[in-house]
Amino acid sequence: MDTISERELVKKLAAREEHAYEILLDKYEAAVYRFFYYSQGDHQTAQDQCGETFARFVASVANLRSNNAHGLKAFIFGIARNILLETFRSKRLIRKDMSLLEDVPSNRPSVFQEVSSPDELEFVLSIIGQFGESERQILLLRFMEDLKLEEIADVMKMPLNSVKSHVHRSRKRLCQILSKSNSFGQEV
């Protein structure tokens, strides 16, 4: 893969250079696919939505400025989240639970960083699958895709403090559930 700065890549994408699209896909396709797959658990749907994300990105690349404060990754995940929300709306699964909290996020390592095997990761993801849609998306963007809190706020179109609260509460809830389990899945 070419080593190219994000700013240069955006310029090449805006100029419709084919090689730039290959670099873009190499860099972000797997992450976008994971976001969809972990949000819904369906391989085919995730592939379709991933393709739709990049098709919409190509159509809207002119709207992305090379000096975008949150970067290319946040822009792409914003498109991906919009597609995911459209899917949930069409299935009538969208939940409206926007509560503001004043908790401060913890500096402890994430549960994702503490798991050591694919089986443990699948167990953690199955628990997260039970969370509300906002919490699930925020956790996946933060700990699986390593987006900064500011980028997540931009993607989710939420205030930064709300994102921080969601991260803190969701991580706390996840840790409580996992602390009741021994060896990721065996009840204590």
Protein backbone atom coordinates (compact mmCIF):
# COMPACT_ATOMS: atom_id res chain seq x y z
CA MET A 1 0.00 0.00 0.00
CA ASP A 2 1.23 3.47 -0.80
CA THR A 3 2.14 5.73 2.06
CA ILE A 4 0.17 8.85 1.34
CA SER A 5 -1.08 11.52 3.71
CA GLU A 6 -4.79 11.82 4.29
CA ARG A 7 -4.78 15.31 2.80
CA GLU A 8 -3.06 14.10 -0.39
CA LEU A 9 -5.47 11.17 -0.62
CA VAL A 10 -8.48 13.48 -0.39
CA LYS A 11 -7.05 15.65 -3.18
CA LYS A 12 -6.46 12.60 -5.37
CA LEU A 13 -9.97 11.30 -4.64
CA ALA A 14 -11.47 14.67 -5.57
CA ALA A 15 -9.46 14.52 -8.82
CA ARG A 16 -11.00 11.04 -9.41
CA GLU A 17 -7.65 9.23 -9.59
CA GLU A 18 -8.34 5.48 -9.75
CA HIS A 19 -5.27 4.56 -7.70
CA ALA A 20 -6.55 6.76 -4.86
CA TYR A 21 -9.74 4.69 -4.64
CA GLU A 22 -7.67 1.51 -4.36
CA ILE A 23 -5.72 3.05 -1.49
CA LEU A 24 -8.97 4.15 0.15
CA LEU A 25 -10.44 0.65 -0.02
CA ASP A 26 -7.23 -0.98 1.22
CA LYS A 27 -7.18 1.38 4.16
CA TYR A 28 -10.84 1.48 5.25
CA GLU A 29 -12.90 -1.34 3.73
CA ALA A 30 -12.20 -3.91 6.45
CA ALA A 31 -12.99 -1.44 9.23
CA VAL A 32 -16.30 -0.40 7.65
CA TYR A 33 -17.24 -4.05 7.08
CA ARG A 34 -16.49 -4.85 10.76
CA PHE A 35 -18.64 -1.92 11.86
CA PHE A 36 -21.62 -3.27 9.92
CA TYR A 37 -21.00 -6.91 10.82
CA TYR A 38 -20.61 -6.27 14.55
CA SER A 39 -23.67 -3.99 14.52
CA GLN A 40 -25.96 -6.59 12.94
CA GLY A 41 -24.20 -9.95 12.84
CA ASP A 42 -25.03 -10.65 9.20
CA HIS A 43 -22.22 -11.18 6.67
CA GLN A 44 -24.23 -10.51 3.50
CA THR A 45 -25.90 -7.38 4.85
CA ALA A 46 -22.53 -6.08 6.06
CA GLN A 47 -21.01 -6.60 2.60
CA ASP A 48 -23.92 -4.85 0.89
CA GLN A 49 -23.81 -1.93 3.30
CA CYS A 50 -20.04 -1.66 2.97
CA GLY A 51 -20.39 -1.39 -0.80
CA GLU A 52 -23.15 1.20 -0.41
CA THR A 53 -20.92 3.23 1.94
CA PHE A 54 -18.13 3.51 -0.60
CA ALA A 55 -20.57 4.20 -3.45
CA ARG A 56 -22.01 7.11 -1.45
CA PHE A 57 -18.52 8.24 -0.55
CA VAL A 58 -17.57 8.41 -4.23
CA ALA A 59 -20.72 10.44 -4.91
CA SER A 60 -19.98 12.86 -2.07
CA VAL A 61 -16.18 13.12 -2.19
CA ALA A 62 -16.51 16.68 -3.48
CA ASN A 63 -18.08 17.63 -0.12
CA LEU A 64 -15.00 16.49 1.78
CA ARG A 65 -12.41 19.17 2.23
CA SER A 66 -8.75 18.26 2.56
CA ASN A 67 -8.61 20.27 5.80
CA ASN A 68 -11.53 18.39 7.38
CA ALA A 69 -11.05 18.66 11.16
CA HIS A 70 -12.07 15.09 11.93
CA GLY A 71 -10.56 13.39 8.95
CA LEU A 72 -11.39 10.94 6.25
CA LYS A 73 -12.12 8.01 8.56
CA ALA A 74 -14.76 9.96 10.49
CA PHE A 75 -16.33 11.12 7.20
CA ILE A 76 -16.56 7.53 5.93
CA PHE A 77 -17.96 6.25 9.23
CA GLY A 78 -20.51 9.08 9.17
CA ILE A 79 -21.76 7.73 5.85
CA ALA A 80 -21.70 4.17 7.23
CA ARG A 81 -23.71 5.16 10.27
CA ASN A 82 -26.29 6.90 8.11
CA ILE A 83 -26.70 3.71 6.08
CA LEU A 84 -27.03 1.66 9.25
CA LEU A 85 -29.68 4.02 10.60
CA GLU A 86 -31.60 3.84 7.32
CA THR A 87 -31.55 0.05 7.62
CA PHE A 88 -32.87 0.15 11.17
CA ARG A 89 -35.55 2.68 10.27
CA SER A 90 -36.71 0.53 7.41
CA LYS A 91 -36.94 -2.43 9.80
CA ARG A 92 -38.49 -0.24 12.49
CA LEU A 93 -35.74 -1.11 14.94
CA ILE A 94 -34.53 2.37 15.74
CA ARG A 95 -34.74 3.28 19.42
CA LYS A 96 -35.02 6.76 20.79
CA ASP A 97 -33.21 6.84 24.10
CA MET A 98 -31.13 10.00 24.27
CA SER A 99 -30.38 10.68 27.91
CA LEU A 100 -27.71 13.09 29.11
CA LEU A 101 -25.47 11.99 31.95
CA GLU A 102 -22.67 13.66 33.80
CA ASP A 103 -20.34 10.69 34.32
CA VAL A 104 -16.70 11.07 33.38
CA PRO A 105 -15.15 8.26 31.29
CA SER A 106 -12.59 5.99 32.89
CA ASN A 107 -8.97 5.66 31.79
CA ARG A 108 -8.94 1.87 32.22
CA PRO A 109 -8.12 -0.31 29.20
CA SER A 110 -11.13 -1.33 27.17
CA VAL A 111 -12.69 -4.76 27.39
CA PHE A 112 -11.66 -5.23 23.75
CA GLN A 113 -8.01 -4.74 24.70
CA GLU A 114 -8.29 -7.26 27.52
CA VAL A 115 -9.69 -10.16 25.51
CA SER A 116 -7.08 -12.60 24.33
CA SER A 117 -8.86 -14.95 21.95
CA PRO A 118 -11.40 -14.81 19.12
CA ASP A 119 -13.86 -16.76 21.27
CA GLU A 120 -13.61 -14.19 24.04
CA LEU A 121 -14.10 -11.39 21.51
CA GLU A 122 -17.20 -13.12 20.11
CA PHE A 123 -18.56 -13.47 23.66
CA VAL A 124 -17.99 -9.76 24.37
CA LEU A 125 -19.57 -8.80 21.05
CA SER A 126 -22.60 -10.98 21.80
CA ILE A 127 -23.10 -9.08 25.05
CA ILE A 128 -22.71 -5.74 23.26
CA GLY A 129 -25.33 -6.93 20.78
CA GLN A 130 -27.84 -6.69 23.62
CA PHE A 131 -27.10 -2.99 24.19
CA GLY A 132 -29.13 -0.18 22.65
CA GLU A 133 -28.17 0.84 19.14
CA SER A 134 -26.44 4.10 20.14
CA GLU A 135 -24.36 2.43 22.81
CA ARG A 136 -23.41 -0.45 20.52
CA GLN A 137 -22.32 1.89 17.72
CA ILE A 138 -20.36 4.13 20.05
CA LEU A 139 -18.52 1.18 21.63
CA LEU A 140 -17.66 -0.29 18.24
CA LEU A 141 -16.42 3.03 16.87
CA ARG A 142 -14.39 3.77 20.00
CA PHE A 143 -12.82 0.43 20.81
CA MET A 144 -12.89 -1.57 17.60
CA GLU A 145 -12.21 1.23 15.13
CA ASP A 146 -10.23 3.44 17.52
CA LEU A 147 -12.00 6.70 16.66
CA LYS A 148 -11.44 9.62 19.00
CA LEU A 149 -14.36 10.81 21.10
CA GLU A 150 -14.60 14.01 19.03
CA GLU A 151 -14.77 11.97 15.82
CA ILE A 152 -17.48 9.76 17.29
CA ALA A 153 -19.47 12.84 18.30
CA ASP A 154 -19.24 14.04 14.72
CA VAL A 155 -20.20 10.64 13.26
CA MET A 156 -23.08 10.14 15.70
CA LYS A 157 -24.17 13.79 15.50
CA MET A 158 -24.22 13.96 19.29
CA PRO A 159 -22.68 16.37 21.79
CA LEU A 160 -19.23 15.30 22.95
CA ASN A 161 -20.36 15.00 26.57
CA SER A 162 -23.15 12.63 25.54
CA VAL A 163 -20.64 10.44 23.72
CA LYS A 164 -18.39 10.42 26.79
CA SER A 165 -21.35 9.44 28.96
CA HIS A 166 -22.40 6.65 26.61
CA VAL A 167 -18.85 5.28 26.52
CA HIS A 168 -18.52 5.39 30.29
CA ARG A 169 -21.94 3.86 31.05
CA SER A 170 -21.68 1.18 28.37
CA ARG A 171 -18.18 0.17 29.40
CA LYS A 172 -19.22 0.07 33.05
CA ARG A 173 -22.25 -2.06 32.19
CA LEU A 174 -20.15 -4.40 30.06
CA CYS A 175 -17.56 -4.80 32.82
CA GLN A 176 -20.30 -5.57 35.35
CA ILE A 177 -21.73 -8.27 33.09
CA LEU A 178 -18.28 -9.73 32.48
CA SER A 179 -17.37 -9.65 36.17
CA LYS A 180 -20.35 -11.94 36.82
CA SER A 181 -18.87 -14.40 34.34
CA ASN A 182 -15.77 -16.48 34.90
CA SER A 183 -13.56 -17.06 31.85
CA PHE A 184 -15.90 -15.17 29.51
CA GLY A 185 -19.09 -17.12 29.62
CA GLN A 186 -19.05 -19.45 32.59
CA GLU A 187 -21.29 -18.13 35.33
CA VAL A 188 -19.69 -17.70 38.74
